Amino acid sequence: MLAHVGQAYLDLPADDRLETRLPKLLKRHAETVAKARGESLSEYVVDVLAERVANEIGSTQEWRLTATEQAELLRILAAPAPSTAALQAATRRAEDLFGI
Protein backbone atom coordinates (compact mmCIF):
# COMPACT_ATOMS: atom_id res chain seq x y z
CA MET A 1 0.00 0.00 0.00
CA LEU A 2 1.28 3.47 -0.83
CA ALA A 3 2.02 5.89 1.97
CA HIS A 4 -0.39 8.76 2.45
CA VAL A 5 0.56 11.53 0.03
CA GLY A 6 0.76 14.09 2.85
CA GLN A 7 2.68 11.82 5.24
CA ALA A 8 5.81 13.98 5.12
CA TYR A 9 3.80 16.81 6.66
CA LEU A 10 2.06 14.56 9.15
CA ASP A 11 5.39 13.26 10.47
CA LEU A 12 6.48 16.79 11.47
CA PRO A 13 5.81 18.20 14.95
CA ALA A 14 2.65 20.30 15.26
CA ASP A 15 4.49 23.43 16.36
CA ASP A 16 2.31 26.21 14.96
CA ARG A 17 -1.34 27.22 15.26
CA LEU A 18 -3.95 28.10 12.64
CA GLU A 19 -7.06 29.93 13.73
CA THR A 20 -9.84 30.15 11.20
CA ARG A 21 -13.54 30.77 10.95
CA LEU A 22 -15.77 28.51 8.90
CA PRO A 23 -19.45 27.88 8.38
CA LYS A 24 -21.07 26.02 11.28
CA LEU A 25 -22.53 23.41 8.91
CA LEU A 26 -19.10 22.67 7.40
CA LYS A 27 -17.62 22.22 10.87
CA ARG A 28 -20.45 19.90 11.89
CA HIS A 29 -20.04 17.81 8.74
CA ALA A 30 -16.26 17.66 9.19
CA GLU A 31 -16.76 16.50 12.79
CA THR A 32 -19.13 13.78 11.56
CA VAL A 33 -16.61 12.54 9.01
CA ALA A 34 -13.71 12.71 11.48
CA LYS A 35 -15.67 10.78 14.09
CA ALA A 36 -16.58 8.10 11.51
CA ARG A 37 -12.85 7.76 10.72
CA GLY A 38 -11.95 7.53 14.41
CA GLU A 39 -10.13 10.87 14.36
CA SER A 40 -10.48 14.15 16.15
CA LEU A 41 -11.55 17.15 14.10
CA SER A 42 -8.01 18.54 14.34
CA GLU A 43 -6.47 15.29 13.09
CA TYR A 44 -8.93 15.18 10.21
CA VAL A 45 -8.34 18.79 9.18
CA VAL A 46 -4.55 18.39 9.29
CA ASP A 47 -4.79 15.16 7.27
CA VAL A 48 -6.99 16.74 4.59
CA LEU A 49 -4.84 19.89 4.44
CA ALA A 50 -1.60 17.90 4.21
CA GLU A 51 -2.96 15.81 1.34
CA ARG A 52 -4.22 18.84 -0.57
CA VAL A 53 -0.97 20.77 -0.11
CA ALA A 54 1.14 17.76 -1.11
CA ASN A 55 -0.90 17.37 -4.30
CA GLU A 56 -0.78 21.05 -5.26
CA ILE A 57 2.57 22.38 -4.02
CA GLY A 58 4.42 21.36 -7.19
CA SER A 59 2.31 23.61 -9.39
CA THR A 60 3.07 26.66 -7.25
CA GLN A 61 6.85 26.50 -7.09
CA GLU A 62 9.69 26.92 -9.52
CA TRP A 63 12.97 25.03 -9.36
CA ARG A 64 16.14 27.07 -9.75
CA LEU A 65 19.02 24.72 -10.48
CA THR A 66 22.63 25.45 -11.29
CA ALA A 67 24.05 24.02 -14.51
CA THR A 68 25.68 21.22 -12.50
CA GLU A 69 22.40 20.43 -10.73
CA GLN A 70 20.54 20.44 -14.06
CA ALA A 71 23.04 17.98 -15.54
CA GLU A 72 22.70 15.70 -12.50
CA LEU A 73 18.91 15.85 -12.66
CA LEU A 74 18.96 14.95 -16.35
CA ARG A 75 21.37 12.07 -15.66
CA ILE A 76 19.07 10.71 -12.94
CA LEU A 77 15.97 11.11 -15.10
CA ALA A 78 17.64 9.36 -18.05
CA ALA A 79 18.69 6.34 -15.98
CA PRO A 80 16.24 3.44 -16.22
CA ALA A 81 14.36 2.69 -13.02
CA PRO A 82 13.62 -0.88 -11.98
CA SER A 83 9.95 -1.71 -12.40
CA THR A 84 8.34 -2.49 -9.06
CA ALA A 85 4.74 -2.49 -7.85
CA ALA A 86 5.40 0.76 -5.98
CA LEU A 87 6.90 2.38 -9.10
CA GLN A 88 3.94 1.30 -11.21
CA ALA A 89 1.51 2.73 -8.64
CA ALA A 90 3.52 5.98 -8.47
CA THR A 91 3.52 6.20 -12.26
CA ARG A 92 -0.27 5.85 -12.35
CA ARG A 93 -0.55 8.54 -9.64
CA ALA A 94 1.73 10.88 -11.62
CA GLU A 95 -0.33 10.30 -14.73
CA ASP A 96 -3.49 11.20 -12.79
CA LEU A 97 -1.90 14.28 -11.21
CA PHE A 98 -0.01 15.66 -14.18
CA GLY A 99 -1.85 14.22 -17.16
CA ILE A 100 1.28 12.51 -18.47
C-alpha atoms as a PDB file:
ATOM      1  CA  MET A   1       0.000   0.000   0.000  1.00  0.00           C
ATOM      2  CA  LEU A   2       1.284   3.469  -0.833  1.00  0.00           C
ATOM      3  CA  ALA A   3       2.022   5.892   1.967  1.00  0.00           C
ATOM      4  CA  HIS A   4      -0.391   8.764   2.451  1.00  0.00           C
ATOM      5  CA  VAL A   5       0.562  11.526   0.026  1.00  0.00           C
ATOM      6  CA  GLY A   6       0.764  14.086   2.848  1.00  0.00           C
ATOM      7  CA  GLN A   7       2.678  11.817   5.243  1.00  0.00           C
ATOM      8  CA  ALA A   8       5.810  13.981   5.123  1.00  0.00           C
ATOM      9  CA  TYR A   9       3.805  16.813   6.658  1.00  0.00           C
ATOM     10  CA  LEU A  10       2.055  14.558   9.154  1.00  0.00           C
ATOM     11  CA  ASP A  11       5.392  13.264  10.474  1.00  0.00           C
ATOM     12  CA  LEU A  12       6.478  16.795  11.474  1.00  0.00           C
ATOM     13  CA  PRO A  13       5.806  18.197  14.948  1.00  0.00           C
ATOM     14  CA  ALA A  14       2.648  20.303  15.260  1.00  0.00           C
ATOM     15  CA  ASP A  15       4.485  23.429  16.365  1.00  0.00           C
ATOM     16  CA  ASP A  16       2.307  26.211  14.958  1.00  0.00           C
ATOM     17  CA  ARG A  17      -1.339  27.223  15.255  1.00  0.00           C
ATOM     18  CA  LEU A  18      -3.950  28.101  12.640  1.00  0.00           C
ATOM     19  CA  GLU A  19      -7.057  29.928  13.726  1.00  0.00           C
ATOM     20  CA  THR A  20      -9.844  30.147  11.199  1.00  0.00           C
ATOM     21  CA  ARG A  21     -13.538  30.773  10.946  1.00  0.00           C
ATOM     22  CA  LEU A  22     -15.769  28.508   8.899  1.00  0.00           C
ATOM     23  CA  PRO A  23     -19.452  27.884   8.381  1.00  0.00           C
ATOM     24  CA  LYS A  24     -21.073  26.016  11.278  1.00  0.00           C
ATOM     25  CA  LEU A  25     -22.527  23.415   8.908  1.00  0.00           C
ATOM     26  CA  LEU A  26     -19.097  22.672   7.402  1.00  0.00           C
ATOM     27  CA  LYS A  27     -17.615  22.218  10.868  1.00  0.00           C
ATOM     28  CA  ARG A  28     -20.446  19.899  11.891  1.00  0.00           C
ATOM     29  CA  HIS A  29     -20.045  17.805   8.738  1.00  0.00           C
ATOM     30  CA  ALA A  30     -16.261  17.658   9.189  1.00  0.00           C
ATOM     31  CA  GLU A  31     -16.761  16.504  12.791  1.00  0.00           C
ATOM     32  CA  THR A  32     -19.126  13.783  11.558  1.00  0.00           C
ATOM     33  CA  VAL A  33     -16.612  12.541   9.007  1.00  0.00           C
ATOM     34  CA  ALA A  34     -13.713  12.715  11.479  1.00  0.00           C
ATOM     35  CA  LYS A  35     -15.672  10.778  14.091  1.00  0.00           C
ATOM     36  CA  ALA A  36     -16.576   8.103  11.512  1.00  0.00           C
ATOM     37  CA  ARG A  37     -12.855   7.762  10.723  1.00  0.00           C
ATOM     38  CA  GLY A  38     -11.948   7.528  14.408  1.00  0.00           C
ATOM     39  CA  GLU A  39     -10.126  10.868  14.360  1.00  0.00           C
ATOM     40  CA  SER A  40     -10.476  14.154  16.149  1.00  0.00           C
ATOM     41  CA  LEU A  41     -11.549  17.148  14.101  1.00  0.00           C
ATOM     42  CA  SER A  42      -8.008  18.545  14.339  1.00  0.00           C
ATOM     43  CA  GLU A  43      -6.475  15.286  13.091  1.00  0.00           C
ATOM     44  CA  TYR A  44      -8.927  15.176  10.209  1.00  0.00           C
ATOM     45  CA  VAL A  45      -8.340  18.792   9.178  1.00  0.00           C
ATOM     46  CA  VAL A  46      -4.552  18.394   9.290  1.00  0.00           C
ATOM     47  CA  ASP A  47      -4.787  15.162   7.268  1.00  0.00           C
ATOM     48  CA  VAL A  48      -6.989  16.743   4.587  1.00  0.00           C
ATOM     49  CA  LEU A  49      -4.841  19.892   4.444  1.00  0.00           C
ATOM     50  CA  ALA A  50      -1.596  17.896   4.208  1.00  0.00           C
ATOM     51  CA  GLU A  51      -2.956  15.809   1.336  1.00  0.00           C
ATOM     52  CA  ARG A  52      -4.222  18.838  -0.574  1.00  0.00           C
ATOM     53  CA  VAL A  53      -0.974  20.773  -0.111  1.00  0.00           C
ATOM     54  CA  ALA A  54       1.140  17.760  -1.111  1.00  0.00           C
ATOM     55  CA  ASN A  55      -0.901  17.366  -4.298  1.00  0.00           C
ATOM     56  CA  GLU A  56      -0.780  21.046  -5.259  1.00  0.00           C
ATOM     57  CA  ILE A  57       2.567  22.382  -4.018  1.00  0.00           C
ATOM     58  CA  GLY A  58       4.421  21.361  -7.186  1.00  0.00           C
ATOM     59  CA  SER A  59       2.310  23.606  -9.386  1.00  0.00           C
ATOM     60  CA  THR A  60       3.065  26.661  -7.251  1.00  0.00           C
ATOM     61  CA  GLN A  61       6.848  26.496  -7.090  1.00  0.00           C
ATOM     62  CA  GLU A  62       9.692  26.923  -9.519  1.00  0.00           C
ATOM     63  CA  TRP A  63      12.967  25.034  -9.364  1.00  0.00           C
ATOM     64  CA  ARG A  64      16.139  27.070  -9.748  1.00  0.00           C
ATOM     65  CA  LEU A  65      19.022  24.722 -10.483  1.00  0.00           C
ATOM     66  CA  THR A  66      22.631  25.451 -11.288  1.00  0.00           C
ATOM     67  CA  ALA A  67      24.046  24.017 -14.514  1.00  0.00           C
ATOM     68  CA  THR A  68      25.681  21.220 -12.500  1.00  0.00           C
ATOM     69  CA  GLU A  69      22.399  20.432 -10.727  1.00  0.00           C
ATOM     70  CA  GLN A  70      20.544  20.442 -14.058  1.00  0.00           C
ATOM     71  CA  ALA A  71      23.037  17.982 -15.540  1.00  0.00           C
ATOM     72  CA  GLU A  72      22.698  15.703 -12.503  1.00  0.00           C
ATOM     73  CA  LEU A  73      18.907  15.852 -12.656  1.00  0.00           C
ATOM     74  CA  LEU A  74      18.964  14.953 -16.354  1.00  0.00           C
ATOM     75  CA  ARG A  75      21.365  12.072 -15.657  1.00  0.00           C
ATOM     76  CA  ILE A  76      19.068  10.713 -12.943  1.00  0.00           C
ATOM     77  CA  LEU A  77      15.972  11.109 -15.099  1.00  0.00           C
ATOM     78  CA  ALA A  78      17.638   9.362 -18.047  1.00  0.00           C
ATOM     79  CA  ALA A  79      18.686   6.335 -15.977  1.00  0.00           C
ATOM     80  CA  PRO A  80      16.239   3.436 -16.217  1.00  0.00           C
ATOM     81  CA  ALA A  81      14.357   2.688 -13.018  1.00  0.00           C
ATOM     82  CA  PRO A  82      13.617  -0.883 -11.982  1.00  0.00           C
ATOM     83  CA  SER A  83       9.945  -1.710 -12.399  1.00  0.00           C
ATOM     84  CA  THR A  84       8.336  -2.491  -9.057  1.00  0.00           C
ATOM     85  CA  ALA A  85       4.735  -2.494  -7.850  1.00  0.00           C
ATOM     86  CA  ALA A  86       5.404   0.763  -5.985  1.00  0.00           C
ATOM     87  CA  LEU A  87       6.895   2.378  -9.096  1.00  0.00           C
ATOM     88  CA  GLN A  88       3.940   1.302 -11.208  1.00  0.00           C
ATOM     89  CA  ALA A  89       1.514   2.733  -8.639  1.00  0.00           C
ATOM     90  CA  ALA A  90       3.523   5.980  -8.468  1.00  0.00           C
ATOM     91  CA  THR A  91       3.518   6.195 -12.260  1.00  0.00           C
ATOM     92  CA  ARG A  92      -0.269   5.846 -12.348  1.00  0.00           C
ATOM     93  CA  ARG A  93      -0.548   8.542  -9.644  1.00  0.00           C
ATOM     94  CA  ALA A  94       1.735  10.878 -11.619  1.00  0.00           C
ATOM     95  CA  GLU A  95      -0.331  10.302 -14.729  1.00  0.00           C
ATOM     96  CA  ASP A  96      -3.488  11.201 -12.791  1.00  0.00           C
ATOM     97  CA  LEU A  97      -1.904  14.285 -11.213  1.00  0.00           C
ATOM     98  CA  PHE A  98      -0.005  15.657 -14.175  1.00  0.00           C
ATOM     99  CA  GLY A  99      -1.849  14.216 -17.164  1.00  0.00           C
ATOM    100  CA  ILE A 100       1.277  12.511 -18.468  1.00  0.00           C
END
